[in-house]
N, C-alpha and C. Protein backbone atom coordinates (compact mmCIF):
# COMPACT_ATOMS: atom_id res chain seq x y z
N MET A 1 -44.68 94.75 17.35
CA MET A 1 -45.26 93.82 16.40
C MET A 1 -44.20 93.33 15.44
N LYS A 2 -43.32 94.21 15.04
CA LYS A 2 -42.25 93.83 14.13
C LYS A 2 -41.31 92.85 14.80
N ARG A 3 -41.15 92.97 16.14
CA ARG A 3 -40.26 92.07 16.85
C ARG A 3 -40.88 90.69 16.95
N LEU A 4 -42.20 90.58 17.01
CA LEU A 4 -42.87 89.30 17.18
C LEU A 4 -42.84 88.48 15.91
N LEU A 5 -42.83 89.11 14.78
CA LEU A 5 -42.89 88.36 13.50
C LEU A 5 -41.70 87.43 13.33
N PRO A 6 -40.49 87.89 13.56
CA PRO A 6 -39.38 86.93 13.38
C PRO A 6 -39.44 85.78 14.38
N VAL A 7 -39.87 86.03 15.62
CA VAL A 7 -39.96 84.99 16.64
C VAL A 7 -40.99 83.97 16.21
N LEU A 8 -42.15 84.44 15.70
CA LEU A 8 -43.21 83.52 15.24
C LEU A 8 -42.72 82.69 14.06
N ALA A 9 -42.01 83.33 13.16
CA ALA A 9 -41.53 82.61 11.98
C ALA A 9 -40.57 81.49 12.39
N ILE A 10 -39.68 81.77 13.35
CA ILE A 10 -38.69 80.77 13.81
C ILE A 10 -39.42 79.64 14.52
N THR A 11 -40.45 80.01 15.33
CA THR A 11 -41.20 79.00 16.08
C THR A 11 -41.92 78.07 15.13
N ILE A 12 -42.55 78.62 14.10
CA ILE A 12 -43.28 77.80 13.13
C ILE A 12 -42.32 76.88 12.38
N LEU A 13 -41.16 77.42 12.04
CA LEU A 13 -40.17 76.63 11.31
C LEU A 13 -39.69 75.45 12.15
N LEU A 14 -39.44 75.71 13.44
CA LEU A 14 -38.98 74.64 14.33
C LEU A 14 -40.05 73.57 14.49
N MET A 15 -41.30 74.00 14.61
CA MET A 15 -42.38 73.04 14.80
C MET A 15 -42.56 72.16 13.56
N SER A 16 -42.40 72.75 12.39
CA SER A 16 -42.55 71.95 11.17
C SER A 16 -41.40 70.95 11.02
N LEU A 17 -40.21 71.36 11.44
CA LEU A 17 -39.05 70.44 11.39
C LEU A 17 -39.26 69.28 12.36
N ILE A 18 -39.75 69.57 13.55
CA ILE A 18 -39.97 68.51 14.55
C ILE A 18 -41.04 67.56 14.05
N GLY A 19 -42.07 68.07 13.43
CA GLY A 19 -43.15 67.23 12.91
C GLY A 19 -42.65 66.31 11.80
N CYS A 20 -41.80 66.84 10.95
CA CYS A 20 -41.28 66.00 9.85
C CYS A 20 -40.42 64.86 10.36
N SER A 21 -39.58 65.16 11.35
CA SER A 21 -38.67 64.12 11.86
C SER A 21 -39.44 63.03 12.57
N SER A 22 -40.58 63.33 13.18
CA SER A 22 -41.35 62.30 13.90
C SER A 22 -42.10 61.40 12.94
N ASN A 23 -42.29 61.81 11.63
CA ASN A 23 -43.01 60.99 10.66
C ASN A 23 -42.11 59.97 9.94
N LYS A 24 -40.75 59.96 10.19
CA LYS A 24 -39.86 59.00 9.53
C LYS A 24 -40.12 57.61 10.05
N LYS A 25 -40.14 56.61 9.13
CA LYS A 25 -40.36 55.21 9.50
C LYS A 25 -39.06 54.44 9.40
N THR A 26 -38.82 53.55 10.39
CA THR A 26 -37.63 52.68 10.37
C THR A 26 -37.98 51.41 9.63
N ALA A 27 -37.12 51.01 8.68
CA ALA A 27 -37.37 49.80 7.90
C ALA A 27 -37.09 48.58 8.77
N VAL A 28 -38.12 47.71 8.92
CA VAL A 28 -37.99 46.47 9.71
C VAL A 28 -38.19 45.31 8.76
N PRO A 29 -37.28 44.34 8.73
CA PRO A 29 -37.44 43.21 7.79
C PRO A 29 -38.67 42.42 8.15
N THR A 30 -39.38 42.02 7.13
CA THR A 30 -40.57 41.21 7.34
C THR A 30 -40.17 39.80 7.71
N GLU A 31 -41.16 39.00 8.10
CA GLU A 31 -40.88 37.61 8.50
C GLU A 31 -40.33 36.82 7.33
N THR A 32 -40.86 37.05 6.13
CA THR A 32 -40.40 36.33 4.94
C THR A 32 -38.95 36.65 4.64
N GLN A 33 -38.60 37.95 4.75
CA GLN A 33 -37.22 38.34 4.50
C GLN A 33 -36.28 37.70 5.50
N ALA A 34 -36.69 37.65 6.75
CA ALA A 34 -35.82 37.07 7.78
C ALA A 34 -35.59 35.59 7.53
N MET A 35 -36.59 34.88 7.01
CA MET A 35 -36.46 33.45 6.79
C MET A 35 -35.57 33.12 5.62
N THR A 36 -35.48 34.02 4.64
CA THR A 36 -34.70 33.71 3.45
C THR A 36 -33.27 34.21 3.55
N THR A 37 -32.91 34.75 4.70
CA THR A 37 -31.53 35.19 4.86
C THR A 37 -30.60 33.99 4.86
N GLN A 38 -29.59 33.99 4.01
CA GLN A 38 -28.69 32.84 3.92
C GLN A 38 -27.62 32.93 4.99
N GLN A 39 -27.35 31.76 5.56
CA GLN A 39 -26.29 31.66 6.56
C GLN A 39 -24.96 31.47 5.83
N PRO A 40 -23.88 32.05 6.35
CA PRO A 40 -22.57 31.86 5.69
C PRO A 40 -22.14 30.40 5.79
N GLU A 41 -21.48 29.92 4.74
CA GLU A 41 -21.04 28.52 4.69
C GLU A 41 -19.93 28.31 5.71
N ALA A 42 -19.98 27.18 6.38
CA ALA A 42 -18.99 26.90 7.42
C ALA A 42 -17.60 26.81 6.80
N VAL A 43 -16.66 27.40 7.49
CA VAL A 43 -15.29 27.43 7.00
C VAL A 43 -14.69 26.04 7.12
N GLY A 44 -13.98 25.59 6.07
CA GLY A 44 -13.27 24.32 6.15
C GLY A 44 -14.06 23.13 5.65
N GLU A 45 -15.32 23.28 5.21
CA GLU A 45 -16.09 22.13 4.74
C GLU A 45 -15.69 21.71 3.34
N HIS A 46 -15.26 22.67 2.52
CA HIS A 46 -14.88 22.35 1.15
C HIS A 46 -13.60 23.09 0.81
N TYR A 47 -12.83 22.47 -0.08
CA TYR A 47 -11.68 23.15 -0.64
C TYR A 47 -12.14 23.87 -1.90
N PRO A 48 -11.43 24.90 -2.29
CA PRO A 48 -11.84 25.61 -3.51
C PRO A 48 -11.85 24.66 -4.70
N GLY A 49 -12.92 24.74 -5.48
CA GLY A 49 -13.01 23.92 -6.68
C GLY A 49 -13.61 22.56 -6.44
N GLU A 50 -13.90 22.20 -5.17
CA GLU A 50 -14.50 20.90 -4.90
C GLU A 50 -15.98 20.95 -5.17
N ASP A 51 -16.50 19.83 -5.67
CA ASP A 51 -17.94 19.73 -5.77
C ASP A 51 -18.45 18.98 -4.56
N ASP A 52 -19.74 18.66 -4.55
CA ASP A 52 -20.33 18.01 -3.39
C ASP A 52 -20.28 16.50 -3.46
N THR A 53 -19.52 15.93 -4.42
CA THR A 53 -19.45 14.47 -4.49
C THR A 53 -18.67 13.94 -3.31
N ASP A 54 -19.04 12.78 -2.86
CA ASP A 54 -18.40 12.16 -1.70
C ASP A 54 -17.07 11.56 -2.12
N VAL A 55 -16.00 12.09 -1.56
CA VAL A 55 -14.67 11.58 -1.87
C VAL A 55 -14.14 10.88 -0.64
N THR A 56 -14.02 9.57 -0.73
CA THR A 56 -13.50 8.80 0.40
C THR A 56 -12.02 8.58 0.19
N PRO A 57 -11.17 8.96 1.14
CA PRO A 57 -9.73 8.77 0.94
C PRO A 57 -9.39 7.30 0.79
N ALA A 58 -8.50 7.00 -0.17
CA ALA A 58 -8.10 5.61 -0.38
C ALA A 58 -7.24 5.14 0.78
N VAL A 59 -7.46 3.90 1.16
CA VAL A 59 -6.65 3.32 2.24
C VAL A 59 -5.45 2.66 1.61
N SER A 60 -4.27 3.09 1.99
CA SER A 60 -3.06 2.55 1.40
C SER A 60 -2.70 1.23 2.04
N ASP A 61 -2.27 0.27 1.20
CA ASP A 61 -1.79 -1.00 1.74
C ASP A 61 -0.28 -1.12 1.55
N ALA A 62 0.39 0.07 1.50
CA ALA A 62 1.83 0.04 1.30
C ALA A 62 2.56 -0.50 2.50
N TYR A 63 1.97 -0.38 3.67
CA TYR A 63 2.62 -0.88 4.87
C TYR A 63 1.94 -2.16 5.30
N PRO A 64 2.70 -3.12 5.81
CA PRO A 64 2.09 -4.38 6.23
C PRO A 64 1.29 -4.21 7.50
N PRO A 65 0.33 -5.11 7.73
CA PRO A 65 -0.42 -5.05 8.98
C PRO A 65 0.48 -5.38 10.15
N TYR A 66 0.00 -5.13 11.35
CA TYR A 66 0.79 -5.36 12.54
C TYR A 66 0.10 -6.36 13.46
N THR A 67 0.90 -7.12 14.15
CA THR A 67 0.37 -8.06 15.12
C THR A 67 0.08 -7.31 16.41
N GLU A 68 -0.52 -8.01 17.39
CA GLU A 68 -0.82 -7.38 18.67
C GLU A 68 0.46 -6.96 19.37
N ALA A 69 1.53 -7.70 19.14
CA ALA A 69 2.80 -7.36 19.78
C ALA A 69 3.49 -6.21 19.08
N GLY A 70 2.95 -5.77 17.94
CA GLY A 70 3.53 -4.61 17.25
C GLY A 70 4.49 -4.98 16.15
N GLY A 71 4.71 -6.26 15.87
CA GLY A 71 5.64 -6.66 14.84
C GLY A 71 4.98 -6.68 13.49
N ALA A 72 5.73 -6.33 12.44
CA ALA A 72 5.16 -6.31 11.10
C ALA A 72 4.93 -7.72 10.60
N VAL A 73 3.83 -7.90 9.90
CA VAL A 73 3.52 -9.19 9.29
C VAL A 73 3.45 -8.95 7.80
N LEU A 74 4.40 -9.45 7.06
CA LEU A 74 4.42 -9.23 5.63
C LEU A 74 3.35 -10.07 4.96
N ALA A 75 2.79 -9.49 3.90
CA ALA A 75 1.74 -10.20 3.19
C ALA A 75 2.27 -11.48 2.55
N THR A 76 3.58 -11.49 2.24
CA THR A 76 4.17 -12.66 1.61
C THR A 76 4.93 -13.51 2.62
N SER A 77 4.55 -13.42 3.91
CA SER A 77 5.32 -14.11 4.94
C SER A 77 4.93 -15.57 5.10
N THR A 78 4.01 -16.08 4.27
CA THR A 78 3.65 -17.48 4.37
C THR A 78 4.85 -18.31 3.94
N PRO A 79 5.36 -19.17 4.82
CA PRO A 79 6.57 -19.92 4.46
C PRO A 79 6.29 -20.89 3.32
N ALA A 80 7.33 -21.07 2.49
CA ALA A 80 7.19 -22.02 1.39
C ALA A 80 7.10 -23.42 1.95
N PRO A 81 6.22 -24.24 1.39
CA PRO A 81 6.11 -25.60 1.90
C PRO A 81 7.40 -26.38 1.68
N ILE A 82 7.76 -27.19 2.66
CA ILE A 82 8.96 -28.01 2.52
C ILE A 82 8.65 -29.13 1.53
N PRO A 83 9.43 -29.22 0.45
CA PRO A 83 9.13 -30.24 -0.55
C PRO A 83 9.48 -31.63 -0.04
N GLY A 84 8.93 -32.61 -0.71
CA GLY A 84 9.29 -33.99 -0.41
C GLY A 84 10.66 -34.33 -0.97
N ALA A 85 11.04 -35.57 -0.82
CA ALA A 85 12.35 -36.00 -1.32
C ALA A 85 12.39 -35.86 -2.84
N LEU A 86 13.54 -35.47 -3.34
CA LEU A 86 13.71 -35.35 -4.78
C LEU A 86 13.60 -36.73 -5.43
N GLU A 87 13.02 -36.74 -6.59
CA GLU A 87 12.94 -38.00 -7.34
C GLU A 87 14.27 -38.22 -8.05
N ILE A 88 14.97 -39.25 -7.62
CA ILE A 88 16.30 -39.52 -8.16
C ILE A 88 16.16 -40.38 -9.42
N PRO A 89 16.62 -39.88 -10.54
CA PRO A 89 16.48 -40.66 -11.78
C PRO A 89 17.52 -41.78 -11.84
N GLU A 90 17.23 -42.75 -12.68
CA GLU A 90 18.24 -43.77 -12.97
C GLU A 90 19.40 -43.10 -13.69
N PRO A 91 20.63 -43.43 -13.30
CA PRO A 91 21.77 -42.78 -13.96
C PRO A 91 21.87 -43.17 -15.43
N ASP A 92 22.23 -42.18 -16.22
CA ASP A 92 22.48 -42.41 -17.64
C ASP A 92 23.76 -43.24 -17.76
N PRO A 93 23.80 -44.19 -18.66
CA PRO A 93 25.03 -45.00 -18.80
C PRO A 93 26.27 -44.19 -19.11
N GLU A 94 26.09 -42.98 -19.63
CA GLU A 94 27.25 -42.16 -20.00
C GLU A 94 27.61 -41.11 -18.95
N PHE A 95 26.75 -40.95 -17.92
CA PHE A 95 26.97 -39.90 -16.95
C PHE A 95 26.77 -40.43 -15.53
N ALA A 96 27.17 -39.62 -14.55
CA ALA A 96 26.95 -39.93 -13.15
C ALA A 96 25.87 -39.01 -12.59
N VAL A 97 25.27 -39.42 -11.46
CA VAL A 97 24.27 -38.62 -10.75
C VAL A 97 24.77 -38.44 -9.32
N VAL A 98 24.70 -37.19 -8.81
CA VAL A 98 25.13 -36.87 -7.45
C VAL A 98 24.01 -36.09 -6.77
N HIS A 99 23.64 -36.50 -5.54
CA HIS A 99 22.60 -35.76 -4.82
C HIS A 99 22.92 -35.74 -3.33
N GLY A 100 22.25 -34.83 -2.60
CA GLY A 100 22.47 -34.71 -1.16
C GLY A 100 21.63 -33.58 -0.60
N ILE A 101 21.90 -33.22 0.66
CA ILE A 101 21.19 -32.15 1.36
C ILE A 101 22.24 -31.19 1.92
N LEU A 102 22.11 -29.92 1.58
CA LEU A 102 23.08 -28.91 2.01
C LEU A 102 22.60 -28.23 3.28
N LEU A 103 23.44 -28.27 4.32
CA LEU A 103 23.12 -27.65 5.61
C LEU A 103 24.20 -26.63 5.97
N SER A 104 23.81 -25.65 6.77
CA SER A 104 24.78 -24.69 7.30
C SER A 104 25.61 -25.37 8.38
N ASN A 105 26.91 -25.21 8.32
CA ASN A 105 27.79 -25.79 9.34
C ASN A 105 27.70 -25.03 10.65
N VAL A 106 27.05 -23.85 10.61
CA VAL A 106 26.93 -23.01 11.79
C VAL A 106 25.78 -23.48 12.68
N ASP A 107 24.58 -23.61 12.09
CA ASP A 107 23.41 -23.98 12.90
C ASP A 107 22.68 -25.22 12.40
N LYS A 108 23.27 -25.91 11.39
CA LYS A 108 22.73 -27.17 10.86
C LYS A 108 21.34 -27.01 10.23
N THR A 109 21.00 -25.82 9.75
CA THR A 109 19.71 -25.61 9.08
C THR A 109 19.90 -25.76 7.56
N PRO A 110 18.85 -26.18 6.84
CA PRO A 110 18.96 -26.31 5.37
C PRO A 110 19.21 -24.96 4.72
N LEU A 111 20.02 -24.98 3.69
CA LEU A 111 20.30 -23.77 2.91
C LEU A 111 19.58 -23.89 1.57
N HIS A 112 18.63 -23.01 1.34
CA HIS A 112 17.90 -23.06 0.07
C HIS A 112 18.30 -21.91 -0.84
N LEU A 113 18.03 -22.10 -2.12
CA LEU A 113 18.39 -21.14 -3.17
C LEU A 113 19.89 -20.91 -3.25
N MET A 114 20.66 -21.97 -2.96
CA MET A 114 22.12 -21.90 -3.08
C MET A 114 22.56 -22.77 -4.26
N MET A 115 23.55 -22.30 -5.00
CA MET A 115 24.02 -23.03 -6.17
C MET A 115 25.14 -23.99 -5.77
N VAL A 116 24.88 -25.29 -5.98
CA VAL A 116 25.86 -26.33 -5.71
C VAL A 116 26.47 -26.75 -7.05
N TYR A 117 27.80 -26.77 -7.10
CA TYR A 117 28.52 -27.12 -8.32
C TYR A 117 29.41 -28.33 -8.08
N ALA A 118 29.58 -29.10 -9.15
CA ALA A 118 30.66 -30.09 -9.20
C ALA A 118 31.79 -29.42 -9.97
N ALA A 119 32.79 -28.92 -9.23
CA ALA A 119 33.88 -28.18 -9.85
C ALA A 119 34.96 -29.16 -10.33
N ASP A 120 35.46 -28.93 -11.54
CA ASP A 120 36.52 -29.79 -12.07
C ASP A 120 37.77 -29.68 -11.20
N LYS A 121 38.32 -30.84 -10.84
CA LYS A 121 39.57 -30.89 -10.06
C LYS A 121 40.71 -31.07 -11.05
N VAL A 122 41.55 -30.06 -11.14
CA VAL A 122 42.63 -30.05 -12.13
C VAL A 122 43.96 -30.23 -11.41
N PRO A 123 44.66 -31.39 -11.64
CA PRO A 123 45.95 -31.62 -10.96
C PRO A 123 47.03 -30.69 -11.49
N LEU A 124 47.94 -30.32 -10.60
CA LEU A 124 49.08 -29.49 -10.98
C LEU A 124 50.31 -30.38 -11.10
N GLU A 125 50.99 -30.29 -12.22
CA GLU A 125 52.20 -31.10 -12.44
C GLU A 125 53.34 -30.17 -12.81
N PRO A 126 54.55 -30.51 -12.47
CA PRO A 126 54.98 -31.76 -11.82
C PRO A 126 54.99 -31.66 -10.29
N GLY A 127 54.67 -30.50 -9.76
CA GLY A 127 54.82 -30.30 -8.33
C GLY A 127 53.74 -30.95 -7.49
N GLY A 128 52.66 -31.43 -8.09
CA GLY A 128 51.56 -32.01 -7.32
C GLY A 128 50.56 -30.94 -6.91
N GLY A 129 49.58 -31.36 -6.17
CA GLY A 129 48.50 -30.46 -5.77
C GLY A 129 47.46 -30.35 -6.88
N PHE A 130 46.52 -29.44 -6.70
CA PHE A 130 45.44 -29.28 -7.66
C PHE A 130 44.81 -27.90 -7.51
N VAL A 131 44.06 -27.55 -8.51
CA VAL A 131 43.18 -26.37 -8.47
C VAL A 131 41.81 -26.84 -8.93
N TYR A 132 40.79 -26.01 -8.66
CA TYR A 132 39.46 -26.37 -9.17
C TYR A 132 39.02 -25.33 -10.19
N SER A 133 38.16 -25.77 -11.10
CA SER A 133 37.69 -24.91 -12.16
C SER A 133 36.17 -25.01 -12.26
N ILE A 134 35.51 -23.86 -12.33
CA ILE A 134 34.05 -23.82 -12.45
C ILE A 134 33.68 -22.96 -13.65
N GLN A 135 32.87 -23.53 -14.52
CA GLN A 135 32.28 -22.77 -15.62
C GLN A 135 30.82 -22.51 -15.22
N GLU A 136 30.45 -21.25 -15.07
CA GLU A 136 29.14 -20.89 -14.51
C GLU A 136 27.98 -21.60 -15.20
N LYS A 137 28.01 -21.69 -16.53
CA LYS A 137 26.88 -22.26 -17.25
C LYS A 137 27.05 -23.74 -17.59
N THR A 138 28.26 -24.19 -17.79
CA THR A 138 28.43 -25.55 -18.29
C THR A 138 28.83 -26.56 -17.22
N SER A 139 29.40 -26.13 -16.11
CA SER A 139 29.73 -27.08 -15.04
C SER A 139 28.43 -27.62 -14.43
N PRO A 140 28.39 -28.92 -14.05
CA PRO A 140 27.17 -29.46 -13.44
C PRO A 140 26.80 -28.67 -12.18
N HIS A 141 25.54 -28.22 -12.09
CA HIS A 141 25.12 -27.41 -10.95
C HIS A 141 23.63 -27.59 -10.70
N PHE A 142 23.21 -27.15 -9.49
CA PHE A 142 21.80 -27.27 -9.10
C PHE A 142 21.54 -26.26 -8.00
N GLU A 143 20.34 -25.63 -8.04
CA GLU A 143 19.94 -24.69 -6.98
C GLU A 143 19.14 -25.46 -5.93
N THR A 144 19.57 -25.38 -4.68
CA THR A 144 18.91 -26.14 -3.62
C THR A 144 17.48 -25.67 -3.41
N ASP A 145 16.62 -26.62 -2.98
CA ASP A 145 15.23 -26.28 -2.71
C ASP A 145 15.07 -25.87 -1.25
N ALA A 146 13.81 -25.72 -0.79
CA ALA A 146 13.56 -25.23 0.57
C ALA A 146 14.08 -26.19 1.63
N ALA A 147 14.28 -27.46 1.28
CA ALA A 147 14.81 -28.43 2.24
C ALA A 147 16.33 -28.57 2.11
N GLY A 148 16.95 -27.76 1.24
CA GLY A 148 18.40 -27.84 1.05
C GLY A 148 18.83 -28.95 0.10
N GLN A 149 17.87 -29.61 -0.56
CA GLN A 149 18.22 -30.74 -1.43
C GLN A 149 18.80 -30.27 -2.76
N PHE A 150 19.74 -31.03 -3.27
CA PHE A 150 20.29 -30.76 -4.61
C PHE A 150 20.45 -32.08 -5.37
N LEU A 151 20.42 -31.97 -6.69
CA LEU A 151 20.50 -33.14 -7.56
C LEU A 151 21.23 -32.75 -8.84
N LEU A 152 22.40 -33.32 -9.02
CA LEU A 152 23.19 -33.07 -10.22
C LEU A 152 23.10 -34.30 -11.12
N THR A 153 22.61 -34.09 -12.31
CA THR A 153 22.50 -35.18 -13.28
C THR A 153 23.44 -34.89 -14.45
N LYS A 154 23.66 -35.89 -15.24
CA LYS A 154 24.52 -35.76 -16.43
C LYS A 154 25.90 -35.20 -16.08
N VAL A 155 26.48 -35.74 -15.01
CA VAL A 155 27.83 -35.33 -14.62
C VAL A 155 28.82 -36.23 -15.36
N PRO A 156 29.66 -35.67 -16.22
CA PRO A 156 30.62 -36.52 -16.96
C PRO A 156 31.60 -37.19 -16.00
N ALA A 157 32.13 -38.33 -16.43
CA ALA A 157 33.15 -39.01 -15.63
C ALA A 157 34.34 -38.08 -15.45
N GLY A 158 34.92 -38.11 -14.24
CA GLY A 158 36.06 -37.26 -13.96
C GLY A 158 36.22 -37.01 -12.48
N SER A 159 37.15 -36.15 -12.12
CA SER A 159 37.45 -35.82 -10.73
C SER A 159 36.86 -34.45 -10.41
N TYR A 160 36.16 -34.39 -9.25
CA TYR A 160 35.43 -33.17 -8.90
C TYR A 160 35.62 -32.82 -7.42
N ILE A 161 35.41 -31.53 -7.14
CA ILE A 161 35.30 -31.03 -5.76
C ILE A 161 33.92 -30.39 -5.66
N MET A 162 33.16 -30.79 -4.64
CA MET A 162 31.81 -30.23 -4.48
C MET A 162 31.91 -28.85 -3.84
N MET A 163 31.26 -27.87 -4.49
CA MET A 163 31.37 -26.48 -4.07
C MET A 163 29.99 -25.82 -4.00
N MET A 164 29.89 -24.83 -3.12
CA MET A 164 28.76 -23.89 -3.15
C MET A 164 29.29 -22.57 -3.67
N VAL A 165 28.64 -22.03 -4.69
CA VAL A 165 29.11 -20.80 -5.34
C VAL A 165 28.10 -19.69 -5.09
N THR A 166 28.59 -18.55 -4.58
CA THR A 166 27.76 -17.39 -4.32
C THR A 166 28.41 -16.17 -4.97
N PRO A 167 27.71 -15.05 -5.05
CA PRO A 167 28.34 -13.83 -5.56
C PRO A 167 29.51 -13.37 -4.70
N PHE A 168 29.60 -13.87 -3.47
CA PHE A 168 30.67 -13.43 -2.56
C PHE A 168 31.88 -14.36 -2.58
N GLY A 169 31.76 -15.52 -3.22
CA GLY A 169 32.88 -16.44 -3.28
C GLY A 169 32.42 -17.88 -3.38
N SER A 170 33.38 -18.79 -3.45
CA SER A 170 33.12 -20.23 -3.55
C SER A 170 33.54 -20.90 -2.26
N TYR A 171 32.74 -21.88 -1.82
CA TYR A 171 32.98 -22.56 -0.55
C TYR A 171 32.90 -24.06 -0.76
N GLY A 172 33.93 -24.77 -0.29
CA GLY A 172 33.94 -26.22 -0.42
C GLY A 172 32.92 -26.88 0.51
N LEU A 173 32.22 -27.91 -0.01
CA LEU A 173 31.28 -28.66 0.82
C LEU A 173 32.05 -29.64 1.68
N LEU A 174 31.55 -29.86 2.90
CA LEU A 174 32.23 -30.69 3.88
C LEU A 174 31.36 -31.89 4.24
N ASP A 175 32.02 -33.01 4.55
CA ASP A 175 31.27 -34.17 5.01
C ASP A 175 31.12 -34.13 6.53
N ALA A 176 30.59 -35.21 7.11
CA ALA A 176 30.34 -35.24 8.56
C ALA A 176 31.64 -35.15 9.35
N LYS A 177 32.78 -35.48 8.73
CA LYS A 177 34.08 -35.40 9.40
C LYS A 177 34.75 -34.04 9.19
N ASN A 178 34.00 -33.13 8.59
CA ASN A 178 34.49 -31.77 8.33
C ASN A 178 35.62 -31.75 7.29
N GLU A 179 35.57 -32.70 6.37
CA GLU A 179 36.57 -32.77 5.30
C GLU A 179 35.92 -32.43 3.97
N GLU A 180 36.71 -31.78 3.09
CA GLU A 180 36.19 -31.41 1.78
C GLU A 180 35.79 -32.66 1.01
N ILE A 181 34.74 -32.53 0.20
CA ILE A 181 34.23 -33.67 -0.56
C ILE A 181 34.85 -33.69 -1.95
N HIS A 182 35.67 -34.69 -2.21
CA HIS A 182 36.30 -34.91 -3.50
C HIS A 182 35.71 -36.19 -4.09
N LEU A 183 35.35 -36.15 -5.36
CA LEU A 183 34.72 -37.31 -6.00
C LEU A 183 35.49 -37.70 -7.26
N ASP A 184 35.68 -39.00 -7.43
CA ASP A 184 36.18 -39.55 -8.69
C ASP A 184 35.02 -40.36 -9.30
N LEU A 185 34.37 -39.77 -10.27
CA LEU A 185 33.14 -40.35 -10.81
C LEU A 185 33.39 -41.12 -12.10
N LYS A 186 32.62 -42.21 -12.23
CA LYS A 186 32.61 -43.00 -13.47
C LYS A 186 31.21 -42.91 -14.07
N ALA A 187 31.11 -43.17 -15.34
CA ALA A 187 29.80 -43.16 -16.01
C ALA A 187 28.90 -44.20 -15.36
N GLY A 188 27.67 -43.83 -15.10
CA GLY A 188 26.70 -44.73 -14.49
C GLY A 188 26.69 -44.69 -12.97
N ASP A 189 27.59 -43.91 -12.33
CA ASP A 189 27.61 -43.82 -10.86
C ASP A 189 26.36 -43.10 -10.35
N LEU A 190 25.85 -43.56 -9.21
CA LEU A 190 24.76 -42.89 -8.50
C LEU A 190 25.26 -42.64 -7.08
N ILE A 191 25.59 -41.39 -6.76
CA ILE A 191 26.24 -41.04 -5.49
C ILE A 191 25.27 -40.26 -4.60
N ASP A 192 24.99 -40.83 -3.44
CA ASP A 192 24.18 -40.14 -2.43
C ASP A 192 25.13 -39.62 -1.36
N LEU A 193 25.30 -38.32 -1.31
CA LEU A 193 26.21 -37.71 -0.34
C LEU A 193 25.56 -37.56 1.04
N GLY A 194 24.25 -37.71 1.13
CA GLY A 194 23.54 -37.50 2.40
C GLY A 194 23.62 -36.03 2.79
N GLU A 195 23.81 -35.78 4.08
CA GLU A 195 23.91 -34.40 4.56
C GLU A 195 25.33 -33.90 4.41
N VAL A 196 25.47 -32.77 3.74
CA VAL A 196 26.77 -32.13 3.59
C VAL A 196 26.66 -30.72 4.17
N TYR A 197 27.82 -30.15 4.47
CA TYR A 197 27.85 -28.89 5.23
C TYR A 197 28.72 -27.86 4.54
N VAL A 198 28.44 -26.61 4.83
CA VAL A 198 29.25 -25.52 4.33
C VAL A 198 29.29 -24.44 5.40
N SER A 199 30.42 -23.79 5.53
CA SER A 199 30.57 -22.73 6.53
C SER A 199 29.89 -21.47 6.01
N TRP A 200 28.61 -21.39 6.27
CA TRP A 200 27.79 -20.28 5.78
C TRP A 200 26.66 -20.03 6.74
N PRO A 201 26.30 -18.83 7.06
CA PRO A 201 26.91 -17.59 6.54
C PRO A 201 28.15 -17.25 7.36
């Protein structure tokens, strides 16, 4: 009988432990809990610190558009209109007027935005010959237009050599015979040089 008591006690203890373990309930999320579970935000949709405002990237117009052939078309590529003939004024009784059209001696195209000067022709004595003198601001000058036209007004009487002056140097204007243009002007003269040429560029 004494031997049976410990066996019974162990058996009862085991049965009570088994009974307790079978009464445990597993927690199952309810339907409401499952519906309110938040999904993680997709990676890469926002940068840190960004709000939800719509930010459209600006389209840069720093580069010009391209043609179908792939060549760049500048926004300012509209050619300047070719002006009409210059209005030649009546010469002042105290001065001469000189006008003409400046062309490249290379391809015979008009040269625009070029400075044409009437340079003073200064004789050298006693040996002969001459030099020319140009004063940037005071010598008679004119910037050619898109058609290569130039018009010098208020040219004092005197001897001149017609020149084109650039930052790279001075170039004598040539006539149709390829000779430098030298002028001896009197007050009231109106000189039409027609087409003149310069070895440029």
